[in-house]
Amino acid sequence: MAAEDVPHTVEHYKTEIERLTKELTETTHEKIQAAEYGLVVLEEKLTLKQQYDELEAEYDGLKQELEQLKEVSGLGLEDINQTLQNCCDFQPSCSGDPIVHTGNE
């Protein structure tokens, strides 16, 4: 190996080190961006899970209310009016007027 080949080889290695350093920096930056994106996705997932849980609880409440309404509607209108009348007998502030079904409900 000649003396003039050594500086060329050293220069080649310096260039290679610079290239690898730049590539490492870019790769590290990409990994950081991917991690930040992953955190955003995770936060969004948690938010959606919370919204889902709230909607599910609301759904369960509405479902229970619907079942109760179905049970009440299974009673005849006269039964409902009688029940209301009985309740009003215990509450002086109640007008006691029966419910009149107009068919528009």
Protein backbone atom coordinates (compact mmCIF):
# COMPACT_ATOMS: atom_id res chain seq x y z
CA MET A 1 0.00 0.00 0.00
CA ALA A 2 1.52 3.31 -1.04
CA ALA A 3 1.64 6.38 1.18
CA GLU A 4 -0.64 8.29 -1.18
CA ASP A 5 -3.34 5.59 -0.82
CA VAL A 6 -3.57 6.09 2.96
CA PRO A 7 -4.99 9.67 2.88
CA HIS A 8 -7.51 8.51 0.28
CA THR A 9 -8.54 5.68 2.56
CA VAL A 10 -8.76 8.02 5.57
CA GLU A 11 -10.87 10.46 3.54
CA HIS A 12 -13.08 7.59 2.42
CA TYR A 13 -13.64 6.56 6.06
CA LYS A 14 -14.39 10.14 7.10
CA THR A 15 -16.99 10.39 4.36
CA GLU A 16 -18.46 7.04 5.36
CA ILE A 17 -18.62 8.13 9.04
CA GLU A 18 -20.40 11.35 8.05
CA ARG A 19 -22.90 9.42 5.92
CA LEU A 20 -23.57 6.90 8.68
CA THR A 21 -23.90 9.67 11.28
CA LYS A 22 -26.42 11.49 9.09
CA GLU A 23 -28.34 8.25 8.48
CA LEU A 24 -28.35 7.49 12.23
CA THR A 25 -29.66 10.99 12.98
CA GLU A 26 -32.43 10.63 10.41
CA THR A 27 -33.37 7.17 11.66
CA THR A 28 -33.43 8.38 15.26
CA HIS A 29 -35.63 11.31 14.25
CA GLU A 30 -38.02 8.95 12.42
CA LYS A 31 -38.22 6.69 15.48
CA ILE A 32 -39.02 9.68 17.70
CA GLN A 33 -41.74 10.78 15.29
CA ALA A 34 -43.17 7.25 15.24
CA ALA A 35 -43.18 7.16 19.05
CA GLU A 36 -44.93 10.54 19.23
CA TYR A 37 -47.50 9.36 16.68
CA GLY A 38 -48.01 6.19 18.72
CA LEU A 39 -48.71 8.29 21.82
CA VAL A 40 -51.27 10.36 19.91
CA VAL A 41 -52.95 7.18 18.68
CA LEU A 42 -52.96 5.77 22.22
CA GLU A 43 -54.51 8.95 23.63
CA GLU A 44 -57.16 8.88 20.89
CA LYS A 45 -57.87 5.23 21.69
CA LEU A 46 -58.34 6.06 25.37
CA THR A 47 -60.66 8.94 24.50
CA LEU A 48 -62.71 6.72 22.20
CA LYS A 49 -62.87 4.00 24.86
CA GLN A 50 -64.16 6.52 27.39
CA GLN A 51 -66.77 7.78 24.91
CA TYR A 52 -67.76 4.19 24.14
CA ASP A 53 -68.18 3.40 27.84
CA GLU A 54 -70.32 6.52 28.34
CA LEU A 55 -72.48 5.68 25.33
CA GLU A 56 -72.82 2.08 26.46
CA ALA A 57 -73.97 3.24 29.92
CA GLU A 58 -76.45 5.62 28.32
CA TYR A 59 -77.67 2.82 26.04
CA ASP A 60 -78.16 0.50 29.01
CA GLY A 61 -80.12 3.19 30.84
CA LEU A 62 -82.32 3.87 27.83
CA LYS A 63 -82.83 0.16 27.29
CA GLN A 64 -83.94 -0.25 30.90
CA GLU A 65 -86.24 2.77 30.57
CA LEU A 66 -87.74 1.27 27.40
CA GLU A 67 -88.38 -2.01 29.19
CA GLN A 68 -90.12 -0.13 31.99
CA LEU A 69 -92.22 1.77 29.47
CA LYS A 70 -93.15 -1.49 27.78
CA GLU A 71 -94.24 -2.89 31.14
CA VAL A 72 -96.29 0.22 31.86
CA SER A 73 -97.83 0.21 28.39
CA GLY A 74 -98.84 -3.39 28.99
CA LEU A 75 -101.26 -2.05 31.58
CA GLY A 76 -104.53 -0.73 30.29
CA LEU A 77 -105.18 3.01 30.22
CA GLU A 78 -107.77 2.55 32.93
CA ASP A 79 -105.17 0.81 35.12
CA ILE A 80 -102.77 3.72 34.66
CA ASN A 81 -105.46 6.29 35.47
CA GLN A 82 -106.47 4.31 38.56
CA THR A 83 -102.85 4.07 39.69
CA LEU A 84 -102.42 7.82 39.25
CA GLN A 85 -105.66 8.47 41.09
CA ASN A 86 -104.49 6.28 43.96
CA CYS A 87 -101.20 8.16 44.10
CA CYS A 88 -102.99 11.50 44.10
CA ASP A 89 -105.13 10.43 47.03
CA PHE A 90 -101.94 10.51 49.10
CA GLN A 91 -100.67 13.80 47.67
CA PRO A 92 -102.96 16.79 48.18
CA SER A 93 -101.07 18.86 45.58
CA CYS A 94 -102.02 16.43 42.80
CA SER A 95 -104.97 17.50 40.66
CA GLY A 96 -106.18 13.92 40.31
CA ASP A 97 -107.29 14.48 36.74
CA PRO A 98 -107.19 11.27 34.72
CA ILE A 99 -104.97 10.97 31.69
CA VAL A 100 -106.92 11.36 28.48
CA HIS A 101 -105.49 9.56 25.48
CA THR A 102 -105.92 11.73 22.37
CA GLY A 103 -104.17 9.39 19.96
CA ASN A 104 -101.62 12.08 19.02
CA GLU A 105 -98.87 10.76 21.32
